[in-house]
Amino acid sequence: MNFSIPMDQLRRSGDAAALGGSDSLLQRLQTRPIQHRSQQPVSRVMPEPSNAMIAAKRAIDIAGALFGLIAFAPLFIGIAIAIKATSPGPVFFRQKRYGYRNRRFWIFKFRTMYTDRGDARGVQQTVGNDPRVTRIGRILRKSSLDELPQLINVLKGDMSLVGPRPHVPGMLAGGMLYEQLTPYYFQRHIVRPGVTGLAQVSGFRGETTVALSAIERLDYDLRYIATWSLWLDIKIIVRTVFREITRGSGG
C-alpha cells in the first residue's frame, strides 16, 4: 500500500533551501510525474514500507556484507598489495557522500588515483583515460572492484546493498548542481544509498555531464524507491553480478 510522504518528512530528507522551503513547491514535487524511456510516467509519490520489510532488508544487508567481506578477504589483501606496490599513498580512499536523509558519511573505496592528483571533494568527475587514475586503478574501476570496501559501509549502516548510488555534495550534472537541474533531487535520499542500484544495472553509470542522461538516472533512482521490494533487490544484485562478470561495466 502506498502513502505520500508527509511534508515534515520531506523537509527532514532535504534542507529547506534545497527543497524550496514552501509547502506548495513540495506538493508539486510529490506529484510531478517521472518520465521514463519506453515506460509510462509514474507519480512521484513514494511508498512507505512496513517495519518488517525494512528489518528484512537490513538483515539481508548485514548477512550479505559479512559474507562478502569474508569471501573476498584474499582479494582485499591482493588488491591492497597491488595498490601499495604501484603508487605511494594509502590503500583506501574515503570521501564524504550524501546518505539517508541527507546525512553525510565517509564512503570507503580502494584508492584508484594518484594522491597528488585526486579531487578530495569529488566535484571533478573522472573521464576516459583520466591521467589521475593509476594503472591498477584502471583495472579496479573497469571491474568495479574499487567499490568492494563499501561492504564496510553496509555493515556500519551507512549504506544498503541496493539503493541509489551515494553522490558527493555539490555533484554536477549537465554543468550545474544536480539539485538545480532536477529540483526533486533530494527525494532520492529518503532511503539508504546502495552499493548498486536500478539506475546502474539499467546502464546509467559514470559521468553525468549530459543533462538528459543525468535526469534519467535520477528517475531510475526514484522508480526504485517507488517500486521497492525485496524481490527487486535480489534481481538487481543478480543483474549486477552478471554485468560485472560478462561485461566488466565499472565506472
C-alpha atoms as a PDB file:
ATOM      1  CA  MET A   1       0.000   0.000   0.000  1.00  0.00           C
ATOM      2  CA  ASN A   2       1.397   3.413  -0.953  1.00  0.00           C
ATOM      3  CA  PHE A   3       1.394   6.609   1.058  1.00  0.00           C
ATOM      4  CA  SER A   4       2.516  10.093   0.095  1.00  0.00           C
ATOM      5  CA  ILE A   5       5.390  11.427   2.219  1.00  0.00           C
ATOM      6  CA  PRO A   6       4.361  13.940   4.906  1.00  0.00           C
ATOM      7  CA  MET A   7       5.649  17.471   4.442  1.00  0.00           C
ATOM      8  CA  ASP A   8       7.743  17.420   7.614  1.00  0.00           C
ATOM      9  CA  GLN A   9       9.356  14.183   6.485  1.00  0.00           C
ATOM     10  CA  LEU A  10      10.274  15.741   3.158  1.00  0.00           C
ATOM     11  CA  ARG A  11      11.824  18.696   4.938  1.00  0.00           C
ATOM     12  CA  ARG A  12      13.910  16.349   7.074  1.00  0.00           C
ATOM     13  CA  SER A  13      15.056  14.467   3.978  1.00  0.00           C
ATOM     14  CA  GLY A  14      16.404  17.659   2.407  1.00  0.00           C
ATOM     15  CA  ASP A  15      17.270  21.103   3.696  1.00  0.00           C
ATOM     16  CA  ALA A  16      14.798  23.956   3.250  1.00  0.00           C
ATOM     17  CA  ALA A  17      16.878  25.697   0.592  1.00  0.00           C
ATOM     18  CA  ALA A  18      17.223  22.554  -1.495  1.00  0.00           C
ATOM     19  CA  LEU A  19      13.503  21.793  -1.337  1.00  0.00           C
ATOM     20  CA  GLY A  20      12.390  25.369  -1.817  1.00  0.00           C
ATOM     21  CA  GLY A  21      11.011  25.871   1.702  1.00  0.00           C
ATOM     22  CA  SER A  22       7.343  26.104   0.655  1.00  0.00           C
ATOM     23  CA  ASP A  23       4.511  23.635   1.004  1.00  0.00           C
ATOM     24  CA  SER A  24       3.194  24.458  -2.469  1.00  0.00           C
ATOM     25  CA  LEU A  25       6.510  23.544  -4.064  1.00  0.00           C
ATOM     26  CA  LEU A  26       6.796  20.352  -2.038  1.00  0.00           C
ATOM     27  CA  GLN A  27       3.282  19.359  -3.074  1.00  0.00           C
ATOM     28  CA  ARG A  28       4.148  19.872  -6.728  1.00  0.00           C
ATOM     29  CA  LEU A  29       7.336  17.807  -6.377  1.00  0.00           C
ATOM     30  CA  GLN A  30       5.423  14.951  -4.755  1.00  0.00           C
ATOM     31  CA  THR A  31       3.061  14.554  -7.710  1.00  0.00           C
ATOM     32  CA  ARG A  32       5.273  15.590 -10.642  1.00  0.00           C
ATOM     33  CA  PRO A  33       5.400  12.556 -12.995  1.00  0.00           C
ATOM     34  CA  ILE A  34       8.588  10.615 -13.675  1.00  0.00           C
ATOM     35  CA  GLN A  35       9.142  10.335 -17.433  1.00  0.00           C
ATOM     36  CA  HIS A  36      10.969   7.170 -18.460  1.00  0.00           C
ATOM     37  CA  ARG A  37      12.232   5.974 -21.782  1.00  0.00           C
ATOM     38  CA  SER A  38       9.919   3.239 -23.113  1.00  0.00           C
ATOM     39  CA  GLN A  39       7.853   3.414 -19.919  1.00  0.00           C
ATOM     40  CA  GLN A  40       4.706   5.187 -18.841  1.00  0.00           C
ATOM     41  CA  PRO A  41       5.129   8.102 -16.423  1.00  0.00           C
ATOM     42  CA  VAL A  42       4.504   7.256 -12.782  1.00  0.00           C
ATOM     43  CA  SER A  43       3.513   9.555  -9.955  1.00  0.00           C
ATOM     44  CA  ARG A  44       6.396  10.788  -7.828  1.00  0.00           C
ATOM     45  CA  VAL A  45       4.597   9.601  -4.680  1.00  0.00           C
ATOM     46  CA  MET A  46       6.869   7.364  -2.627  1.00  0.00           C
ATOM     47  CA  PRO A  47       5.764   4.216  -0.782  1.00  0.00           C
ATOM     48  CA  GLU A  48       6.150   3.678   2.929  1.00  0.00           C
ATOM     49  CA  PRO A  49       7.299   0.064   3.505  1.00  0.00           C
ATOM     50  CA  SER A  50       6.354  -1.802   6.652  1.00  0.00           C
ATOM     51  CA  ASN A  51       8.754  -2.115   9.576  1.00  0.00           C
ATOM     52  CA  ALA A  52       9.014  -5.839   8.874  1.00  0.00           C
ATOM     53  CA  MET A  53      10.143  -5.210   5.293  1.00  0.00           C
ATOM     54  CA  ILE A  54      12.681  -2.641   6.442  1.00  0.00           C
ATOM     55  CA  ALA A  55      14.026  -5.089   9.037  1.00  0.00           C
ATOM     56  CA  ALA A  56      14.245  -7.843   6.428  1.00  0.00           C
ATOM     57  CA  LYS A  57      16.175  -5.576   4.055  1.00  0.00           C
ATOM     58  CA  ARG A  58      18.603  -4.658   6.837  1.00  0.00           C
ATOM     59  CA  ALA A  59      19.079  -8.325   7.753  1.00  0.00           C
ATOM     60  CA  ILE A  60      19.920  -9.131   4.137  1.00  0.00           C
ATOM     61  CA  ASP A  61      22.352  -6.204   4.058  1.00  0.00           C
ATOM     62  CA  ILE A  62      24.196  -7.411   7.166  1.00  0.00           C
ATOM     63  CA  ALA A  63      24.320 -11.033   6.021  1.00  0.00           C
ATOM     64  CA  GLY A  64      25.423 -10.059   2.516  1.00  0.00           C
ATOM     65  CA  ALA A  65      28.107  -7.649   3.726  1.00  0.00           C
ATOM     66  CA  LEU A  66      29.520 -10.179   6.209  1.00  0.00           C
ATOM     67  CA  PHE A  67      29.566 -12.907   3.576  1.00  0.00           C
ATOM     68  CA  GLY A  68      31.241 -10.608   1.055  1.00  0.00           C
ATOM     69  CA  LEU A  69      33.912  -9.391   3.465  1.00  0.00           C
ATOM     70  CA  ILE A  70      34.801 -12.966   4.433  1.00  0.00           C
ATOM     71  CA  ALA A  71      34.604 -14.424   0.920  1.00  0.00           C
ATOM     72  CA  PHE A  72      36.604 -11.599  -0.657  1.00  0.00           C
ATOM     73  CA  ALA A  73      39.194 -11.303   2.134  1.00  0.00           C
ATOM     74  CA  PRO A  74      42.012 -12.814  -0.009  1.00  0.00           C
ATOM     75  CA  LEU A  75      41.061 -10.459  -2.845  1.00  0.00           C
ATOM     76  CA  PHE A  76      41.127  -7.488  -0.449  1.00  0.00           C
ATOM     77  CA  ILE A  77      44.671  -8.426   0.578  1.00  0.00           C
ATOM     78  CA  GLY A  78      45.823  -8.866  -3.026  1.00  0.00           C
ATOM     79  CA  ILE A  79      44.360  -5.540  -4.124  1.00  0.00           C
ATOM     80  CA  ALA A  80      45.908  -3.772  -1.128  1.00  0.00           C
ATOM     81  CA  ILE A  81      49.340  -5.160  -2.003  1.00  0.00           C
ATOM     82  CA  ALA A  82      48.945  -4.148  -5.663  1.00  0.00           C
ATOM     83  CA  ILE A  83      47.927  -0.589  -4.738  1.00  0.00           C
ATOM     84  CA  LYS A  84      50.858  -0.126  -2.359  1.00  0.00           C
ATOM     85  CA  ALA A  85      53.294  -1.639  -4.865  1.00  0.00           C
ATOM     86  CA  THR A  86      52.305   0.579  -7.790  1.00  0.00           C
ATOM     87  CA  SER A  87      51.832   4.047  -6.265  1.00  0.00           C
ATOM     88  CA  PRO A  88      52.564   5.843  -2.982  1.00  0.00           C
ATOM     89  CA  GLY A  89      49.688   6.579  -0.649  1.00  0.00           C
ATOM     90  CA  PRO A  90      47.002   4.806   1.379  1.00  0.00           C
ATOM     91  CA  VAL A  91      45.176   1.681   0.254  1.00  0.00           C
ATOM     92  CA  PHE A  92      41.747   3.154   0.908  1.00  0.00           C
ATOM     93  CA  PHE A  93      40.193   6.354  -0.356  1.00  0.00           C
ATOM     94  CA  ARG A  94      37.438   7.936   1.687  1.00  0.00           C
ATOM     95  CA  GLN A  95      35.135  10.778   0.845  1.00  0.00           C
ATOM     96  CA  LYS A  96      32.034  12.454   2.233  1.00  0.00           C
ATOM     97  CA  ARG A  97      28.825  11.405   0.486  1.00  0.00           C
ATOM     98  CA  TYR A  98      25.120  12.055   0.927  1.00  0.00           C
ATOM     99  CA  GLY A  99      23.389   9.311   2.881  1.00  0.00           C
ATOM    100  CA  TYR A 100      19.979   8.629   4.364  1.00  0.00           C
ATOM    101  CA  ARG A 101      18.007  11.860   4.904  1.00  0.00           C
ATOM    102  CA  ASN A 102      20.951  13.906   3.569  1.00  0.00           C
ATOM    103  CA  ARG A 103      23.200  12.840   6.457  1.00  0.00           C
ATOM    104  CA  ARG A 104      26.781  12.809   5.247  1.00  0.00           C
ATOM    105  CA  PHE A 105      29.026   9.823   5.839  1.00  0.00           C
ATOM    106  CA  TRP A 106      32.521   8.663   4.900  1.00  0.00           C
ATOM    107  CA  ILE A 107      32.406   6.251   1.979  1.00  0.00           C
ATOM    108  CA  PHE A 108      35.264   3.752   1.554  1.00  0.00           C
ATOM    109  CA  LYS A 109      36.779   2.704  -1.761  1.00  0.00           C
ATOM    110  CA  PHE A 110      40.077   1.275  -2.902  1.00  0.00           C
ATOM    111  CA  ARG A 111      42.273   4.176  -3.983  1.00  0.00           C
ATOM    112  CA  THR A 112      42.459   4.346  -7.773  1.00  0.00           C
ATOM    113  CA  MET A 113      44.111   7.774  -8.245  1.00  0.00           C
ATOM    114  CA  TYR A 114      47.497   9.279  -7.525  1.00  0.00           C
ATOM    115  CA  THR A 115      47.260  11.014  -4.165  1.00  0.00           C
ATOM    116  CA  ASP A 116      48.626  14.323  -5.504  1.00  0.00           C
ATOM    117  CA  ARG A 117      46.155  14.469  -8.401  1.00  0.00           C
ATOM    118  CA  GLY A 118      42.859  13.396  -6.888  1.00  0.00           C
ATOM    119  CA  ASP A 119      39.933  15.679  -6.110  1.00  0.00           C
ATOM    120  CA  ALA A 120      39.018  15.074  -2.463  1.00  0.00           C
ATOM    121  CA  ARG A 121      35.647  16.807  -2.923  1.00  0.00           C
ATOM    122  CA  GLY A 122      34.768  14.623  -5.915  1.00  0.00           C
ATOM    123  CA  VAL A 123      33.316  17.508  -7.917  1.00  0.00           C
ATOM    124  CA  GLN A 124      35.768  16.962 -10.790  1.00  0.00           C
ATOM    125  CA  GLN A 125      34.413  13.825 -12.406  1.00  0.00           C
ATOM    126  CA  THR A 126      36.560  11.036 -13.794  1.00  0.00           C
ATOM    127  CA  VAL A 127      36.669  10.850 -17.582  1.00  0.00           C
ATOM    128  CA  GLY A 128      38.012   8.308 -20.070  1.00  0.00           C
ATOM    129  CA  ASN A 129      41.809   7.902 -19.954  1.00  0.00           C
ATOM    130  CA  ASP A 130      41.914  10.218 -16.942  1.00  0.00           C
ATOM    131  CA  PRO A 131      45.619  10.860 -16.155  1.00  0.00           C
ATOM    132  CA  ARG A 132      44.831  10.961 -12.432  1.00  0.00           C
ATOM    133  CA  VAL A 133      43.998   7.238 -12.420  1.00  0.00           C
ATOM    134  CA  THR A 134      46.781   4.752 -11.640  1.00  0.00           C
ATOM    135  CA  ARG A 135      47.472   1.612 -13.678  1.00  0.00           C
ATOM    136  CA  ILE A 136      45.943  -0.677 -11.087  1.00  0.00           C
ATOM    137  CA  GLY A 137      43.190   1.898 -10.623  1.00  0.00           C
ATOM    138  CA  ARG A 138      42.046   1.459 -14.224  1.00  0.00           C
ATOM    139  CA  ILE A 139      41.630  -2.258 -13.656  1.00  0.00           C
ATOM    140  CA  LEU A 140      39.775  -1.731 -10.391  1.00  0.00           C
ATOM    141  CA  ARG A 141      37.425   0.824 -11.932  1.00  0.00           C
ATOM    142  CA  LYS A 142      36.758  -1.276 -15.009  1.00  0.00           C
ATOM    143  CA  SER A 143      35.829  -4.269 -12.866  1.00  0.00           C
ATOM    144  CA  SER A 144      34.175  -2.198 -10.096  1.00  0.00           C
ATOM    145  CA  LEU A 145      36.453  -3.912  -7.569  1.00  0.00           C
ATOM    146  CA  ASP A 146      37.259  -0.453  -6.175  1.00  0.00           C
ATOM    147  CA  GLU A 147      33.740  -0.478  -4.709  1.00  0.00           C
ATOM    148  CA  LEU A 148      34.254  -3.589  -2.546  1.00  0.00           C
ATOM    149  CA  PRO A 149      35.197  -1.661   0.640  1.00  0.00           C
ATOM    150  CA  GLN A 150      31.682  -0.229   0.639  1.00  0.00           C
ATOM    151  CA  LEU A 151      30.648  -3.526   2.205  1.00  0.00           C
ATOM    152  CA  ILE A 152      32.113  -1.946   5.358  1.00  0.00           C
ATOM    153  CA  ASN A 153      29.695   0.969   4.906  1.00  0.00           C
ATOM    154  CA  VAL A 154      26.830  -1.502   4.537  1.00  0.00           C
ATOM    155  CA  LEU A 155      27.829  -3.260   7.755  1.00  0.00           C
ATOM    156  CA  LYS A 156      28.021   0.079   9.566  1.00  0.00           C
ATOM    157  CA  GLY A 157      24.527   1.018   8.392  1.00  0.00           C
ATOM    158  CA  ASP A 158      25.610   3.936   6.184  1.00  0.00           C
ATOM    159  CA  MET A 159      24.572   2.072   3.034  1.00  0.00           C
ATOM    160  CA  SER A 160      22.491  -0.803   1.755  1.00  0.00           C
ATOM    161  CA  LEU A 161      23.486  -3.442  -0.779  1.00  0.00           C
ATOM    162  CA  VAL A 162      20.903  -1.941  -3.161  1.00  0.00           C
ATOM    163  CA  GLY A 163      19.744   1.655  -3.422  1.00  0.00           C
ATOM    164  CA  PRO A 164      20.504   4.913  -5.219  1.00  0.00           C
ATOM    165  CA  ARG A 165      24.269   5.387  -5.517  1.00  0.00           C
ATOM    166  CA  PRO A 166      25.633   7.910  -2.951  1.00  0.00           C
ATOM    167  CA  HIS A 167      26.643  11.213  -4.529  1.00  0.00           C
ATOM    168  CA  VAL A 168      29.173  13.759  -3.329  1.00  0.00           C
ATOM    169  CA  PRO A 169      27.686  17.034  -2.054  1.00  0.00           C
ATOM    170  CA  GLY A 170      27.937  19.575  -4.854  1.00  0.00           C
ATOM    171  CA  MET A 171      27.861  16.948  -7.614  1.00  0.00           C
ATOM    172  CA  LEU A 172      27.467  18.450 -11.082  1.00  0.00           C
ATOM    173  CA  ALA A 173      25.025  17.217 -13.706  1.00  0.00           C
ATOM    174  CA  GLY A 174      24.875  18.791 -17.133  1.00  0.00           C
ATOM    175  CA  GLY A 175      27.280  21.520 -15.981  1.00  0.00           C
ATOM    176  CA  MET A 176      25.208  22.621 -12.969  1.00  0.00           C
ATOM    177  CA  LEU A 177      24.427  21.388  -9.485  1.00  0.00           C
ATOM    178  CA  TYR A 178      22.305  18.236  -9.632  1.00  0.00           C
ATOM    179  CA  GLU A 179      19.664  19.794  -7.371  1.00  0.00           C
ATOM    180  CA  GLN A 180      19.417  22.792  -9.714  1.00  0.00           C
ATOM    181  CA  LEU A 181      18.966  20.572 -12.760  1.00  0.00           C
ATOM    182  CA  THR A 182      16.309  18.480 -11.001  1.00  0.00           C
ATOM    183  CA  PRO A 183      14.620  20.270  -8.075  1.00  0.00           C
ATOM    184  CA  TYR A 184      13.242  16.952  -6.732  1.00  0.00           C
ATOM    185  CA  TYR A 185      16.806  15.597  -6.458  1.00  0.00           C
ATOM    186  CA  PHE A 186      16.862  15.224  -2.661  1.00  0.00           C
ATOM    187  CA  GLN A 187      13.939  12.788  -2.666  1.00  0.00           C
ATOM    188  CA  ARG A 188      16.466  10.089  -3.622  1.00  0.00           C
ATOM    189  CA  HIS A 189      17.839  10.382  -0.088  1.00  0.00           C
ATOM    190  CA  ILE A 190      14.742   9.060   1.692  1.00  0.00           C
ATOM    191  CA  VAL A 191      16.370   5.596   1.606  1.00  0.00           C
ATOM    192  CA  ARG A 192      19.889   4.390   2.334  1.00  0.00           C
ATOM    193  CA  PRO A 193      22.232   4.657  -0.668  1.00  0.00           C
ATOM    194  CA  GLY A 194      23.369   1.403  -2.240  1.00  0.00           C
ATOM    195  CA  VAL A 195      26.481  -0.343  -3.491  1.00  0.00           C
ATOM    196  CA  THR A 196      24.485  -0.961  -6.659  1.00  0.00           C
ATOM    197  CA  GLY A 197      21.120   0.236  -7.891  1.00  0.00           C
ATOM    198  CA  LEU A 198      18.427   0.117 -10.546  1.00  0.00           C
ATOM    199  CA  ALA A 199      19.996   3.014 -12.459  1.00  0.00           C
ATOM    200  CA  GLN A 200      23.367   1.257 -12.618  1.00  0.00           C
ATOM    201  CA  VAL A 201      22.046  -2.077 -13.919  1.00  0.00           C
ATOM    202  CA  SER A 202      19.945  -0.101 -16.414  1.00  0.00           C
ATOM    203  CA  GLY A 203      23.082   1.395 -17.971  1.00  0.00           C
ATOM    204  CA  PHE A 204      23.393   4.710 -16.120  1.00  0.00           C
ATOM    205  CA  ARG A 205      26.906   4.804 -14.696  1.00  0.00           C
ATOM    206  CA  GLY A 206      29.946   7.040 -14.794  1.00  0.00           C
ATOM    207  CA  GLU A 207      29.832  10.657 -15.917  1.00  0.00           C
ATOM    208  CA  THR A 208      26.813  12.942 -15.516  1.00  0.00           C
ATOM    209  CA  THR A 209      27.947  15.591 -17.986  1.00  0.00           C
ATOM    210  CA  VAL A 210      24.893  15.123 -20.239  1.00  0.00           C
ATOM    211  CA  ALA A 211      21.806  16.695 -18.642  1.00  0.00           C
ATOM    212  CA  LEU A 212      19.209  14.313 -20.123  1.00  0.00           C
ATOM    213  CA  SER A 213      21.179  11.254 -19.025  1.00  0.00           C
ATOM    214  CA  ALA A 214      21.563  12.692 -15.508  1.00  0.00           C
ATOM    215  CA  ILE A 215      17.805  13.304 -15.268  1.00  0.00           C
ATOM    216  CA  GLU A 216      17.006   9.792 -16.476  1.00  0.00           C
ATOM    217  CA  ARG A 217      19.456   8.355 -13.948  1.00  0.00           C
ATOM    218  CA  LEU A 218      17.646  10.189 -11.154  1.00  0.00           C
ATOM    219  CA  ASP A 219      14.288   8.984 -12.445  1.00  0.00           C
ATOM    220  CA  TYR A 220      15.515   5.389 -12.189  1.00  0.00           C
ATOM    221  CA  ASP A 221      16.530   6.076  -8.578  1.00  0.00           C
ATOM    222  CA  LEU A 222      13.044   7.370  -7.793  1.00  0.00           C
ATOM    223  CA  ARG A 223      11.409   4.499  -9.655  1.00  0.00           C
ATOM    224  CA  TYR A 224      13.396   2.092  -7.473  1.00  0.00           C
ATOM    225  CA  ILE A 225      12.103   3.811  -4.330  1.00  0.00           C
ATOM    226  CA  ALA A 226       8.528   3.874  -5.628  1.00  0.00           C
ATOM    227  CA  THR A 227       8.504   0.171  -6.581  1.00  0.00           C
ATOM    228  CA  TRP A 228      10.853  -1.236  -3.973  1.00  0.00           C
ATOM    229  CA  SER A 229      10.541  -4.828  -2.795  1.00  0.00           C
ATOM    230  CA  LEU A 230      12.948  -7.494  -1.527  1.00  0.00           C
ATOM    231  CA  TRP A 231      12.475  -9.331  -4.810  1.00  0.00           C
ATOM    232  CA  LEU A 232      13.522  -6.219  -6.734  1.00  0.00           C
ATOM    233  CA  ASP A 233      16.695  -6.011  -4.610  1.00  0.00           C
ATOM    234  CA  ILE A 234      17.522  -9.632  -5.364  1.00  0.00           C
ATOM    235  CA  LYS A 235      17.018  -9.099  -9.097  1.00  0.00           C
ATOM    236  CA  ILE A 236      19.275  -6.024  -9.068  1.00  0.00           C
ATOM    237  CA  ILE A 237      22.020  -7.908  -7.210  1.00  0.00           C
ATOM    238  CA  VAL A 238      21.853 -10.786  -9.707  1.00  0.00           C
ATOM    239  CA  ARG A 239      21.920  -8.354 -12.654  1.00  0.00           C
ATOM    240  CA  THR A 240      24.882  -6.534 -11.119  1.00  0.00           C
ATOM    241  CA  VAL A 241      26.903  -9.734 -10.722  1.00  0.00           C
ATOM    242  CA  PHE A 242      26.026 -10.806 -14.268  1.00  0.00           C
ATOM    243  CA  ARG A 243      27.041  -7.437 -15.748  1.00  0.00           C
ATOM    244  CA  GLU A 244      30.370  -7.352 -13.911  1.00  0.00           C
ATOM    245  CA  ILE A 245      31.257 -10.924 -14.875  1.00  0.00           C
ATOM    246  CA  THR A 246      30.225 -10.679 -18.516  1.00  0.00           C
ATOM    247  CA  ARG A 247      30.893  -7.013 -19.336  1.00  0.00           C
ATOM    248  CA  GLY A 248      33.162  -5.509 -16.667  1.00  0.00           C
ATOM    249  CA  SER A 249      30.985  -2.409 -16.760  1.00  0.00           C
ATOM    250  CA  GLY A 250      32.546  -0.459 -13.911  1.00  0.00           C
ATOM    251  CA  GLY A 251      32.755   3.297 -13.900  1.00  0.00           C
END
